Amino acid sequence: MSSGSGPLRLGPKGAEAKAICVFVHGRGQSPEEMQSHVLSRLSAPAVAFILPRAPLGAWWQARAVDPLTPVARAHLSDALDHLAAAVVAARSELPGLPLLLAGFSQGACLSIEYLCAGLPPPDALAAFTGCRVGVPTDGRSEAVPAGVPVYLSGSDSDPWIPVSAFADTAQSLGRGGASLRADLFPGRSHEVSDAEIAMLGTIIADLEAGRGARMGAAR
């Protein structure tokens, strides 16, 4: 395990690892909080978890649903570079293993933007309470790899990601040809629910077994 100013590394190394999960924290959160609030609720002893850390506690300062300003674009670009470097480092440490990119809240938004930017794709994406950053008129990239499994979740009462942004994101990912499952949870607060943890577990189990992510957990 590592902490401090760098990423948090959890789970097995070398031949004991069967899959990789890069998990991205939200605004004002930390990798340690994602470990205690999300990953500790999983049984995944063969998964190497890499949790990148935002240098200033947030990946960018603007709200995800606000139009992209030049400053916000620059911050988002820096965040994407940071995440891309984390993915490269994970794949270099454990070459050949399937990789799940996942995140919560602002971390989910960043993970979605990573996929849409045309960067080297993960084997699956799990975006818990995330959306596209900016608005449709911002000219955002939509270079989603066709067929990549994507799980998108949201809530009709979430204070950060409204249903309209959830729907816009589902449409964007669908246009790109993602293999998409989108779950909107009525009344769920800003958290990762038990149903979402179960979904994360099934995605990880599929990747560990060398299968494509089927996203078959019950809602």
C-alpha atoms as a PDB file:
ATOM      1  CA  MET A   1       0.000   0.000   0.000  1.00  0.00           C
ATOM      2  CA  SER A   2       1.156   3.529  -0.756  1.00  0.00           C
ATOM      3  CA  SER A   3      -0.268   6.897   0.213  1.00  0.00           C
ATOM      4  CA  GLY A   4       0.729  10.518   0.642  1.00  0.00           C
ATOM      5  CA  SER A   5       1.143  12.621  -2.482  1.00  0.00           C
ATOM      6  CA  GLY A   6       1.178   9.786  -4.995  1.00  0.00           C
ATOM      7  CA  PRO A   7      -1.310   7.124  -6.066  1.00  0.00           C
ATOM      8  CA  LEU A   8      -2.626   4.489  -3.693  1.00  0.00           C
ATOM      9  CA  ARG A   9      -1.697   0.927  -4.678  1.00  0.00           C
ATOM     10  CA  LEU A  10      -3.701  -1.983  -3.283  1.00  0.00           C
ATOM     11  CA  GLY A  11      -3.878  -5.704  -3.931  1.00  0.00           C
ATOM     12  CA  PRO A  12      -1.533  -8.304  -5.380  1.00  0.00           C
ATOM     13  CA  LYS A  13       1.523  -7.825  -7.525  1.00  0.00           C
ATOM     14  CA  GLY A  14       3.118  -9.995 -10.169  1.00  0.00           C
ATOM     15  CA  ALA A  15       1.592 -13.342 -11.111  1.00  0.00           C
ATOM     16  CA  GLU A  16      -0.967 -13.214  -8.283  1.00  0.00           C
ATOM     17  CA  ALA A  17      -2.848 -10.424 -10.047  1.00  0.00           C
ATOM     18  CA  LYS A  18      -5.499 -11.422 -12.568  1.00  0.00           C
ATOM     19  CA  ALA A  19      -6.900  -7.982 -13.431  1.00  0.00           C
ATOM     20  CA  ILE A  20      -6.267  -4.274 -12.891  1.00  0.00           C
ATOM     21  CA  CYS A  21      -8.672  -1.590 -11.727  1.00  0.00           C
ATOM     22  CA  VAL A  22      -7.727   2.078 -11.984  1.00  0.00           C
ATOM     23  CA  PHE A  23     -10.236   3.842  -9.712  1.00  0.00           C
ATOM     24  CA  VAL A  24     -10.537   7.653  -9.780  1.00  0.00           C
ATOM     25  CA  HIS A  25     -11.768   9.624  -6.772  1.00  0.00           C
ATOM     26  CA  GLY A  26     -14.174  12.542  -6.827  1.00  0.00           C
ATOM     27  CA  ARG A  27     -13.840  16.241  -6.016  1.00  0.00           C
ATOM     28  CA  GLY A  28     -12.585  16.888  -2.496  1.00  0.00           C
ATOM     29  CA  GLN A  29     -12.030  13.184  -1.915  1.00  0.00           C
ATOM     30  CA  SER A  30      -8.957  10.973  -1.760  1.00  0.00           C
ATOM     31  CA  PRO A  31      -7.906   7.505  -2.870  1.00  0.00           C
ATOM     32  CA  GLU A  32      -8.117   6.433   0.759  1.00  0.00           C
ATOM     33  CA  GLU A  33     -11.789   7.431   0.910  1.00  0.00           C
ATOM     34  CA  MET A  34     -12.504   5.418  -2.244  1.00  0.00           C
ATOM     35  CA  GLN A  35     -10.787   2.454  -0.623  1.00  0.00           C
ATOM     36  CA  SER A  36     -12.844   2.707   2.563  1.00  0.00           C
ATOM     37  CA  HIS A  37     -16.192   3.698   1.003  1.00  0.00           C
ATOM     38  CA  VAL A  38     -16.132   1.562  -2.159  1.00  0.00           C
ATOM     39  CA  LEU A  39     -13.336  -0.960  -2.603  1.00  0.00           C
ATOM     40  CA  SER A  40     -13.476  -2.346   0.948  1.00  0.00           C
ATOM     41  CA  ARG A  41     -17.001  -3.539   0.130  1.00  0.00           C
ATOM     42  CA  LEU A  42     -15.688  -5.826  -2.634  1.00  0.00           C
ATOM     43  CA  SER A  43     -14.193  -9.292  -2.518  1.00  0.00           C
ATOM     44  CA  ALA A  44     -11.521  -9.052  -5.184  1.00  0.00           C
ATOM     45  CA  PRO A  45      -8.278 -10.552  -3.850  1.00  0.00           C
ATOM     46  CA  ALA A  46      -6.801 -11.079  -7.329  1.00  0.00           C
ATOM     47  CA  VAL A  47      -7.260  -7.488  -8.503  1.00  0.00           C
ATOM     48  CA  ALA A  48      -4.509  -4.880  -8.437  1.00  0.00           C
ATOM     49  CA  PHE A  49      -6.077  -1.507  -7.617  1.00  0.00           C
ATOM     50  CA  ILE A  50      -4.358   1.724  -8.615  1.00  0.00           C
ATOM     51  CA  LEU A  51      -6.011   4.893  -7.325  1.00  0.00           C
ATOM     52  CA  PRO A  52      -4.542   8.104  -8.788  1.00  0.00           C
ATOM     53  CA  ARG A  53      -4.560  11.228  -6.649  1.00  0.00           C
ATOM     54  CA  ALA A  54      -5.585  14.716  -7.831  1.00  0.00           C
ATOM     55  CA  PRO A  55      -2.698  17.074  -7.002  1.00  0.00           C
ATOM     56  CA  LEU A  56      -4.984  19.641  -5.331  1.00  0.00           C
ATOM     57  CA  GLY A  57      -7.809  17.371  -4.200  1.00  0.00           C
ATOM     58  CA  ALA A  58      -9.918  18.020  -7.296  1.00  0.00           C
ATOM     59  CA  TRP A  59      -9.314  17.176 -10.936  1.00  0.00           C
ATOM     60  CA  TRP A  60     -10.625  20.610 -11.993  1.00  0.00           C
ATOM     61  CA  GLN A  61     -12.508  23.420 -10.263  1.00  0.00           C
ATOM     62  CA  ALA A  62     -15.545  24.010 -12.513  1.00  0.00           C
ATOM     63  CA  ARG A  63     -18.760  22.013 -12.237  1.00  0.00           C
ATOM     64  CA  ALA A  64     -18.985  19.179 -14.747  1.00  0.00           C
ATOM     65  CA  VAL A  65     -22.252  20.494 -16.194  1.00  0.00           C
ATOM     66  CA  ASP A  66     -20.990  24.044 -16.809  1.00  0.00           C
ATOM     67  CA  PRO A  67     -19.895  25.132 -20.303  1.00  0.00           C
ATOM     68  CA  LEU A  68     -16.182  24.627 -20.852  1.00  0.00           C
ATOM     69  CA  THR A  69     -14.140  27.812 -20.464  1.00  0.00           C
ATOM     70  CA  PRO A  70     -10.516  28.020 -21.664  1.00  0.00           C
ATOM     71  CA  VAL A  71      -9.377  27.584 -18.053  1.00  0.00           C
ATOM     72  CA  ALA A  72     -11.632  24.557 -17.529  1.00  0.00           C
ATOM     73  CA  ARG A  73     -10.379  23.004 -20.770  1.00  0.00           C
ATOM     74  CA  ALA A  74      -6.778  23.421 -19.635  1.00  0.00           C
ATOM     75  CA  HIS A  75      -7.528  21.858 -16.237  1.00  0.00           C
ATOM     76  CA  LEU A  76      -9.367  18.969 -17.886  1.00  0.00           C
ATOM     77  CA  SER A  77      -6.465  18.413 -20.285  1.00  0.00           C
ATOM     78  CA  ASP A  78      -4.027  18.248 -17.357  1.00  0.00           C
ATOM     79  CA  ALA A  79      -6.312  15.798 -15.534  1.00  0.00           C
ATOM     80  CA  LEU A  80      -6.554  13.575 -18.619  1.00  0.00           C
ATOM     81  CA  ASP A  81      -2.763  13.563 -18.899  1.00  0.00           C
ATOM     82  CA  HIS A  82      -2.529  12.531 -15.249  1.00  0.00           C
ATOM     83  CA  LEU A  83      -5.032   9.704 -15.703  1.00  0.00           C
ATOM     84  CA  ALA A  84      -3.442   8.539 -18.959  1.00  0.00           C
ATOM     85  CA  ALA A  85      -0.078   8.310 -17.198  1.00  0.00           C
ATOM     86  CA  ALA A  86      -1.676   6.232 -14.417  1.00  0.00           C
ATOM     87  CA  VAL A  87      -3.164   3.830 -16.963  1.00  0.00           C
ATOM     88  CA  VAL A  88       0.166   3.499 -18.785  1.00  0.00           C
ATOM     89  CA  ALA A  89       1.977   2.843 -15.504  1.00  0.00           C
ATOM     90  CA  ALA A  90      -0.583   0.192 -14.502  1.00  0.00           C
ATOM     91  CA  ARG A  91      -0.302  -1.607 -17.821  1.00  0.00           C
ATOM     92  CA  SER A  92       3.507  -1.419 -17.687  1.00  0.00           C
ATOM     93  CA  GLU A  93       3.575  -2.933 -14.187  1.00  0.00           C
ATOM     94  CA  LEU A  94       1.166  -5.738 -15.080  1.00  0.00           C
ATOM     95  CA  PRO A  95       1.321  -6.243 -18.855  1.00  0.00           C
ATOM     96  CA  GLY A  96      -1.325  -8.304 -20.553  1.00  0.00           C
ATOM     97  CA  LEU A  97      -3.919  -8.111 -17.793  1.00  0.00           C
ATOM     98  CA  PRO A  98      -7.431  -6.768 -18.457  1.00  0.00           C
ATOM     99  CA  LEU A  99      -7.939  -3.255 -17.105  1.00  0.00           C
ATOM    100  CA  LEU A 100     -11.099  -1.711 -15.710  1.00  0.00           C
ATOM    101  CA  LEU A 101     -11.239   2.080 -15.520  1.00  0.00           C
ATOM    102  CA  ALA A 102     -13.694   3.235 -12.867  1.00  0.00           C
ATOM    103  CA  GLY A 103     -14.515   6.337 -10.877  1.00  0.00           C
ATOM    104  CA  PHE A 104     -17.028   8.097  -8.687  1.00  0.00           C
ATOM    105  CA  SER A 105     -18.515  11.579  -9.195  1.00  0.00           C
ATOM    106  CA  GLN A 106     -15.840  13.888 -10.644  1.00  0.00           C
ATOM    107  CA  GLY A 107     -13.646  10.812 -11.025  1.00  0.00           C
ATOM    108  CA  ALA A 108     -16.395   9.154 -13.061  1.00  0.00           C
ATOM    109  CA  CYS A 109     -16.647  12.267 -15.234  1.00  0.00           C
ATOM    110  CA  LEU A 110     -12.896  12.223 -15.835  1.00  0.00           C
ATOM    111  CA  SER A 111     -13.028   8.521 -16.688  1.00  0.00           C
ATOM    112  CA  ILE A 112     -15.803   9.149 -19.223  1.00  0.00           C
ATOM    113  CA  GLU A 113     -13.788  11.959 -20.820  1.00  0.00           C
ATOM    114  CA  TYR A 114     -10.776   9.632 -21.001  1.00  0.00           C
ATOM    115  CA  LEU A 115     -12.827   7.140 -22.983  1.00  0.00           C
ATOM    116  CA  CYS A 116     -14.276   9.820 -25.262  1.00  0.00           C
ATOM    117  CA  ALA A 117     -10.855  11.387 -25.929  1.00  0.00           C
ATOM    118  CA  GLY A 118      -9.642   8.431 -27.984  1.00  0.00           C
ATOM    119  CA  LEU A 119      -6.883   7.488 -25.541  1.00  0.00           C
ATOM    120  CA  PRO A 120      -5.793   3.813 -25.284  1.00  0.00           C
ATOM    121  CA  PRO A 121      -9.039   2.246 -24.113  1.00  0.00           C
ATOM    122  CA  PRO A 122      -9.633   0.159 -21.009  1.00  0.00           C
ATOM    123  CA  ASP A 123     -11.259  -3.243 -21.285  1.00  0.00           C
ATOM    124  CA  ALA A 124     -14.311  -1.819 -19.492  1.00  0.00           C
ATOM    125  CA  LEU A 125     -15.463   1.426 -17.863  1.00  0.00           C
ATOM    126  CA  ALA A 126     -17.592   1.844 -14.733  1.00  0.00           C
ATOM    127  CA  ALA A 127     -18.739   5.430 -14.149  1.00  0.00           C
ATOM    128  CA  PHE A 128     -20.591   5.788 -10.865  1.00  0.00           C
ATOM    129  CA  THR A 129     -22.563   9.059 -10.880  1.00  0.00           C
ATOM    130  CA  GLY A 130     -20.707  10.636 -13.784  1.00  0.00           C
ATOM    131  CA  CYS A 131     -21.442  12.605 -16.942  1.00  0.00           C
ATOM    132  CA  ARG A 132     -19.767  14.301 -19.884  1.00  0.00           C
ATOM    133  CA  VAL A 133     -17.876  17.444 -18.896  1.00  0.00           C
ATOM    134  CA  GLY A 134     -19.280  20.612 -20.438  1.00  0.00           C
ATOM    135  CA  VAL A 135     -22.319  20.944 -22.689  1.00  0.00           C
ATOM    136  CA  PRO A 136     -23.065  19.523 -26.163  1.00  0.00           C
ATOM    137  CA  THR A 137     -22.273  22.825 -27.889  1.00  0.00           C
ATOM    138  CA  ASP A 138     -18.690  22.757 -26.526  1.00  0.00           C
ATOM    139  CA  GLY A 139     -17.511  20.590 -29.411  1.00  0.00           C
ATOM    140  CA  ARG A 140     -16.446  17.727 -27.180  1.00  0.00           C
ATOM    141  CA  SER A 141     -14.556  14.725 -28.487  1.00  0.00           C
ATOM    142  CA  GLU A 142     -16.687  11.618 -29.069  1.00  0.00           C
ATOM    143  CA  ALA A 143     -13.969   9.118 -30.008  1.00  0.00           C
ATOM    144  CA  VAL A 144     -15.528   6.264 -28.001  1.00  0.00           C
ATOM    145  CA  PRO A 145     -14.106   2.868 -29.029  1.00  0.00           C
ATOM    146  CA  ALA A 146     -16.926   0.813 -30.528  1.00  0.00           C
ATOM    147  CA  GLY A 147     -18.002  -2.114 -28.388  1.00  0.00           C
ATOM    148  CA  VAL A 148     -16.240  -1.168 -25.158  1.00  0.00           C
ATOM    149  CA  PRO A 149     -18.405  -2.215 -22.170  1.00  0.00           C
ATOM    150  CA  VAL A 150     -19.551   0.823 -20.175  1.00  0.00           C
ATOM    151  CA  TYR A 151     -21.592   0.919 -16.983  1.00  0.00           C
ATOM    152  CA  LEU A 152     -23.094   4.344 -16.231  1.00  0.00           C
ATOM    153  CA  SER A 153     -25.069   5.102 -13.086  1.00  0.00           C
ATOM    154  CA  GLY A 154     -26.886   8.104 -11.697  1.00  0.00           C
ATOM    155  CA  SER A 155     -29.759   9.247  -9.509  1.00  0.00           C
ATOM    156  CA  ASP A 156     -32.815  11.400 -10.054  1.00  0.00           C
ATOM    157  CA  SER A 157     -31.991  13.297  -6.849  1.00  0.00           C
ATOM    158  CA  ASP A 158     -28.216  13.696  -7.106  1.00  0.00           C
ATOM    159  CA  PRO A 159     -27.145  17.290  -6.328  1.00  0.00           C
ATOM    160  CA  TRP A 160     -24.167  17.269  -8.733  1.00  0.00           C
ATOM    161  CA  ILE A 161     -25.226  15.294 -11.826  1.00  0.00           C
ATOM    162  CA  PRO A 162     -28.793  16.068 -12.966  1.00  0.00           C
ATOM    163  CA  VAL A 163     -30.840  13.588 -14.971  1.00  0.00           C
ATOM    164  CA  SER A 164     -30.406  15.752 -18.080  1.00  0.00           C
ATOM    165  CA  ALA A 165     -26.603  15.336 -17.876  1.00  0.00           C
ATOM    166  CA  PHE A 166     -26.992  11.592 -17.262  1.00  0.00           C
ATOM    167  CA  ALA A 167     -29.179  11.303 -20.373  1.00  0.00           C
ATOM    168  CA  ASP A 168     -26.801  13.421 -22.467  1.00  0.00           C
ATOM    169  CA  THR A 169     -23.938  11.154 -21.461  1.00  0.00           C
ATOM    170  CA  ALA A 170     -25.842   7.977 -22.291  1.00  0.00           C
ATOM    171  CA  GLN A 171     -26.623   9.400 -25.730  1.00  0.00           C
ATOM    172  CA  SER A 172     -23.003  10.406 -26.294  1.00  0.00           C
ATOM    173  CA  LEU A 173     -21.670   6.987 -25.344  1.00  0.00           C
ATOM    174  CA  GLY A 174     -24.373   5.260 -27.365  1.00  0.00           C
ATOM    175  CA  ARG A 175     -23.566   7.279 -30.486  1.00  0.00           C
ATOM    176  CA  GLY A 176     -19.959   6.172 -30.128  1.00  0.00           C
ATOM    177  CA  GLY A 177     -20.983   2.518 -30.169  1.00  0.00           C
ATOM    178  CA  ALA A 178     -20.222   1.631 -26.553  1.00  0.00           C
ATOM    179  CA  SER A 179     -21.828  -1.506 -25.163  1.00  0.00           C
ATOM    180  CA  LEU A 180     -23.759   0.511 -22.602  1.00  0.00           C
ATOM    181  CA  ARG A 181     -25.792  -0.284 -19.531  1.00  0.00           C
ATOM    182  CA  ALA A 182     -27.180   2.813 -17.799  1.00  0.00           C
ATOM    183  CA  ASP A 183     -28.951   2.631 -14.439  1.00  0.00           C
ATOM    184  CA  LEU A 184     -30.771   5.598 -12.903  1.00  0.00           C
ATOM    185  CA  PHE A 185     -31.566   5.005  -9.220  1.00  0.00           C
ATOM    186  CA  PRO A 186     -34.637   6.806  -7.803  1.00  0.00           C
ATOM    187  CA  GLY A 187     -33.936   8.743  -4.627  1.00  0.00           C
ATOM    188  CA  ARG A 188     -30.348   7.558  -4.201  1.00  0.00           C
ATOM    189  CA  SER A 189     -28.054  10.056  -2.485  1.00  0.00           C
ATOM    190  CA  HIS A 190     -24.586  11.020  -3.726  1.00  0.00           C
ATOM    191  CA  GLU A 191     -22.953   7.677  -3.021  1.00  0.00           C
ATOM    192  CA  VAL A 192     -22.120   4.283  -4.470  1.00  0.00           C
ATOM    193  CA  SER A 193     -25.047   2.023  -3.572  1.00  0.00           C
ATOM    194  CA  ASP A 194     -24.996  -1.694  -2.835  1.00  0.00           C
ATOM    195  CA  ALA A 195     -26.391  -2.405  -6.306  1.00  0.00           C
ATOM    196  CA  GLU A 196     -23.513  -0.487  -7.879  1.00  0.00           C
ATOM    197  CA  ILE A 197     -20.976  -2.335  -5.735  1.00  0.00           C
ATOM    198  CA  ALA A 198     -22.520  -5.612  -6.933  1.00  0.00           C
ATOM    199  CA  MET A 199     -22.163  -4.435 -10.537  1.00  0.00           C
ATOM    200  CA  LEU A 200     -18.534  -3.512  -9.957  1.00  0.00           C
ATOM    201  CA  GLY A 201     -17.955  -6.965  -8.531  1.00  0.00           C
ATOM    202  CA  THR A 202     -19.472  -8.739 -11.538  1.00  0.00           C
ATOM    203  CA  ILE A 203     -17.453  -6.645 -13.997  1.00  0.00           C
ATOM    204  CA  ILE A 204     -14.254  -7.432 -12.116  1.00  0.00           C
ATOM    205  CA  ALA A 205     -15.135 -11.152 -11.933  1.00  0.00           C
ATOM    206  CA  ASP A 206     -15.659 -11.276 -15.705  1.00  0.00           C
ATOM    207  CA  LEU A 207     -12.323  -9.586 -16.386  1.00  0.00           C
ATOM    208  CA  GLU A 208     -10.528 -11.860 -13.921  1.00  0.00           C
ATOM    209  CA  ALA A 209     -11.955 -14.865 -15.769  1.00  0.00           C
ATOM    210  CA  GLY A 210     -10.812 -13.551 -19.131  1.00  0.00           C
ATOM    211  CA  ARG A 211     -14.335 -12.716 -20.296  1.00  0.00           C
ATOM    212  CA  GLY A 212     -15.763  -9.487 -21.636  1.00  0.00           C
ATOM    213  CA  ALA A 213     -17.708  -7.524 -19.023  1.00  0.00           C
ATOM    214  CA  ARG A 214     -21.347  -8.638 -19.283  1.00  0.00           C
ATOM    215  CA  MET A 215     -22.705  -6.172 -16.681  1.00  0.00           C
ATOM    216  CA  GLY A 216     -25.301  -8.706 -15.610  1.00  0.00           C
ATOM    217  CA  ALA A 217     -25.813  -7.791 -11.960  1.00  0.00           C
ATOM    218  CA  ALA A 218     -29.376  -7.107 -10.825  1.00  0.00           C
ATOM    219  CA  ARG A 219     -30.425  -3.474 -10.574  1.00  0.00           C
END
